[in-house]
Amino acid sequence: MSISAGNRKVGQHSGVGPAGKFLVPVIPSVDTDIGLVIFVFQHEAHHRWCSDPRLLVSLLAKSVGPVLWNDNSANLRISVAASGHRHGKVVEIPLFMNQQVNALKPR
């Protein structure tokens, strides 16, 4: 099993981002073998699944700011280093509940 975690400082505050999205800083831990993503949100460990965990780990390695969780849309928001983007290019990765991921898998 391979585990990776974003190593960013996380404040105790939460904020509202563009278009009123509620964003909370999190430090995700990713199991690249099964796509499991674990992070703490509202004092509870949350388990979600990512359809491309290796891409997520690559984006976390290139992040230039805190990783933000949007509980309304179930997306991780990552600012990734990119030429021409001083504060990074924003990428949103959808995370799924177990039942949703199983429905996406080819049969």
C-alpha atoms as a PDB file:
ATOM      1  CA  MET A   1       0.000   0.000   0.000  1.00  0.00           C
ATOM      2  CA  SER A   2       1.288   3.458  -0.872  1.00  0.00           C
ATOM      3  CA  ILE A   3       0.260   6.453   1.239  1.00  0.00           C
ATOM      4  CA  SER A   4       0.965  10.110   0.554  1.00  0.00           C
ATOM      5  CA  ALA A   5      -0.179  13.224   2.347  1.00  0.00           C
ATOM      6  CA  GLY A   6      -0.139  16.883   1.451  1.00  0.00           C
ATOM      7  CA  ASN A   7       2.208  18.608   3.884  1.00  0.00           C
ATOM      8  CA  ARG A   8       0.760  22.086   4.071  1.00  0.00           C
ATOM      9  CA  LYS A   9       0.133  24.209   7.154  1.00  0.00           C
ATOM     10  CA  VAL A  10      -3.559  24.344   7.896  1.00  0.00           C
ATOM     11  CA  GLY A  11      -5.152  27.170   9.843  1.00  0.00           C
ATOM     12  CA  GLN A  12      -8.022  26.780  12.234  1.00  0.00           C
ATOM     13  CA  HIS A  13     -10.242  29.064  10.167  1.00  0.00           C
ATOM     14  CA  SER A  14     -12.536  28.390   7.279  1.00  0.00           C
ATOM     15  CA  GLY A  15     -13.552  30.778   4.564  1.00  0.00           C
ATOM     16  CA  VAL A  16     -15.868  31.518   1.750  1.00  0.00           C
ATOM     17  CA  GLY A  17     -14.341  31.397  -1.713  1.00  0.00           C
ATOM     18  CA  PRO A  18     -15.552  32.556  -5.119  1.00  0.00           C
ATOM     19  CA  ALA A  19     -19.272  32.303  -5.817  1.00  0.00           C
ATOM     20  CA  GLY A  20     -19.987  31.767  -2.104  1.00  0.00           C
ATOM     21  CA  LYS A  21     -18.378  28.321  -1.975  1.00  0.00           C
ATOM     22  CA  PHE A  22     -17.628  27.229   1.577  1.00  0.00           C
ATOM     23  CA  LEU A  23     -13.966  26.198   1.646  1.00  0.00           C
ATOM     24  CA  VAL A  24     -12.112  24.551   4.542  1.00  0.00           C
ATOM     25  CA  PRO A  25      -8.355  23.833   4.619  1.00  0.00           C
ATOM     26  CA  VAL A  26      -7.598  20.106   4.951  1.00  0.00           C
ATOM     27  CA  ILE A  27      -4.584  17.802   4.765  1.00  0.00           C
ATOM     28  CA  PRO A  28      -5.609  14.779   2.680  1.00  0.00           C
ATOM     29  CA  SER A  29      -3.972  11.389   2.951  1.00  0.00           C
ATOM     30  CA  VAL A  30      -4.192   9.334  -0.256  1.00  0.00           C
ATOM     31  CA  ASP A  31      -3.957   5.561  -0.737  1.00  0.00           C
ATOM     32  CA  THR A  32      -2.910   5.262  -4.378  1.00  0.00           C
ATOM     33  CA  ASP A  33      -3.711   1.538  -4.575  1.00  0.00           C
ATOM     34  CA  ILE A  34      -7.443   1.808  -3.898  1.00  0.00           C
ATOM     35  CA  GLY A  35      -8.081   5.544  -4.302  1.00  0.00           C
ATOM     36  CA  LEU A  36      -9.053   6.151  -0.679  1.00  0.00           C
ATOM     37  CA  VAL A  37      -8.709   9.763   0.491  1.00  0.00           C
ATOM     38  CA  ILE A  38      -8.932  10.532   4.219  1.00  0.00           C
ATOM     39  CA  PHE A  39      -9.041  13.984   5.810  1.00  0.00           C
ATOM     40  CA  VAL A  40     -10.418  15.620   8.951  1.00  0.00           C
ATOM     41  CA  PHE A  41     -13.390  17.950   8.507  1.00  0.00           C
ATOM     42  CA  GLN A  42     -15.489  19.328  11.381  1.00  0.00           C
ATOM     43  CA  HIS A  43     -13.520  17.223  13.897  1.00  0.00           C
ATOM     44  CA  GLU A  44     -14.354  13.941  12.096  1.00  0.00           C
ATOM     45  CA  ALA A  45     -12.323  11.743   9.771  1.00  0.00           C
ATOM     46  CA  HIS A  46     -13.956  11.643   6.342  1.00  0.00           C
ATOM     47  CA  HIS A  47     -13.358   8.821   3.880  1.00  0.00           C
ATOM     48  CA  ARG A  48     -13.855   9.542   0.186  1.00  0.00           C
ATOM     49  CA  TRP A  49     -12.656   7.944  -3.027  1.00  0.00           C
ATOM     50  CA  CYS A  50     -10.853   9.465  -5.987  1.00  0.00           C
ATOM     51  CA  SER A  51     -11.156   8.035  -9.506  1.00  0.00           C
ATOM     52  CA  ASP A  52      -7.490   8.926 -10.285  1.00  0.00           C
ATOM     53  CA  PRO A  53      -5.489   8.839  -7.024  1.00  0.00           C
ATOM     54  CA  ARG A  54      -2.098   9.080  -8.756  1.00  0.00           C
ATOM     55  CA  LEU A  55      -3.151  12.340 -10.423  1.00  0.00           C
ATOM     56  CA  LEU A  56      -4.332  13.637  -7.048  1.00  0.00           C
ATOM     57  CA  VAL A  57      -0.961  12.805  -5.424  1.00  0.00           C
ATOM     58  CA  SER A  58       0.856  14.514  -8.306  1.00  0.00           C
ATOM     59  CA  LEU A  59      -1.266  17.648  -7.887  1.00  0.00           C
ATOM     60  CA  LEU A  60      -0.699  17.646  -4.115  1.00  0.00           C
ATOM     61  CA  ALA A  61       3.060  17.465  -4.707  1.00  0.00           C
ATOM     62  CA  LYS A  62       2.840  20.581  -6.909  1.00  0.00           C
ATOM     63  CA  SER A  63       0.467  22.547  -4.686  1.00  0.00           C
ATOM     64  CA  VAL A  64       1.424  26.112  -3.795  1.00  0.00           C
ATOM     65  CA  GLY A  65      -1.101  26.754  -1.040  1.00  0.00           C
ATOM     66  CA  PRO A  66      -3.485  25.021   1.316  1.00  0.00           C
ATOM     67  CA  VAL A  67      -5.708  22.278  -0.052  1.00  0.00           C
ATOM     68  CA  LEU A  68      -9.335  23.277   0.406  1.00  0.00           C
ATOM     69  CA  TRP A  69     -12.380  21.021   0.854  1.00  0.00           C
ATOM     70  CA  ASN A  70     -15.708  22.203  -0.522  1.00  0.00           C
ATOM     71  CA  ASP A  71     -18.342  20.205   1.354  1.00  0.00           C
ATOM     72  CA  ASN A  72     -21.157  21.507  -0.874  1.00  0.00           C
ATOM     73  CA  SER A  73     -19.672  20.203  -4.132  1.00  0.00           C
ATOM     74  CA  ALA A  74     -17.520  17.385  -2.647  1.00  0.00           C
ATOM     75  CA  ASN A  75     -14.402  18.719  -4.401  1.00  0.00           C
ATOM     76  CA  LEU A  76     -10.838  19.188  -3.245  1.00  0.00           C
ATOM     77  CA  ARG A  77      -9.527  22.521  -4.495  1.00  0.00           C
ATOM     78  CA  ILE A  78      -5.787  22.596  -5.147  1.00  0.00           C
ATOM     79  CA  SER A  79      -3.718  25.573  -6.343  1.00  0.00           C
ATOM     80  CA  VAL A  80      -0.980  24.034  -8.506  1.00  0.00           C
ATOM     81  CA  ALA A  81       2.254  25.719  -9.594  1.00  0.00           C
ATOM     82  CA  ALA A  82       1.900  26.811 -13.225  1.00  0.00           C
ATOM     83  CA  SER A  83       3.751  29.172 -15.498  1.00  0.00           C
ATOM     84  CA  GLY A  84       1.907  32.475 -15.841  1.00  0.00           C
ATOM     85  CA  HIS A  85      -0.202  31.928 -12.701  1.00  0.00           C
ATOM     86  CA  ARG A  86       1.382  33.788  -9.811  1.00  0.00           C
ATOM     87  CA  HIS A  87      -0.780  32.163  -7.127  1.00  0.00           C
ATOM     88  CA  GLY A  88      -1.107  28.837  -8.922  1.00  0.00           C
ATOM     89  CA  LYS A  89      -3.709  27.398 -11.240  1.00  0.00           C
ATOM     90  CA  VAL A  90      -6.796  26.167  -9.399  1.00  0.00           C
ATOM     91  CA  VAL A  91      -7.742  22.525 -10.017  1.00  0.00           C
ATOM     92  CA  GLU A  92     -10.807  20.910  -8.456  1.00  0.00           C
ATOM     93  CA  ILE A  93     -10.838  17.152  -7.970  1.00  0.00           C
ATOM     94  CA  PRO A  94     -14.181  15.467  -7.216  1.00  0.00           C
ATOM     95  CA  LEU A  95     -14.223  12.958  -4.371  1.00  0.00           C
ATOM     96  CA  PHE A  96     -16.945  10.347  -4.055  1.00  0.00           C
ATOM     97  CA  MET A  97     -18.701   8.333  -1.413  1.00  0.00           C
ATOM     98  CA  ASN A  98     -18.070   4.581  -1.741  1.00  0.00           C
ATOM     99  CA  GLN A  99     -21.379   3.893  -3.479  1.00  0.00           C
ATOM    100  CA  GLN A 100     -20.722   6.581  -6.090  1.00  0.00           C
ATOM    101  CA  VAL A 101     -17.255   5.252  -6.963  1.00  0.00           C
ATOM    102  CA  ASN A 102     -18.529   1.702  -7.373  1.00  0.00           C
ATOM    103  CA  ALA A 103     -21.087   2.967  -9.882  1.00  0.00           C
ATOM    104  CA  LEU A 104     -18.287   4.566 -11.951  1.00  0.00           C
ATOM    105  CA  LYS A 105     -16.149   1.435 -12.216  1.00  0.00           C
ATOM    106  CA  PRO A 106     -16.340  -0.427 -15.555  1.00  0.00           C
ATOM    107  CA  ARG A 107     -17.991  -3.841 -15.387  1.00  0.00           C
END
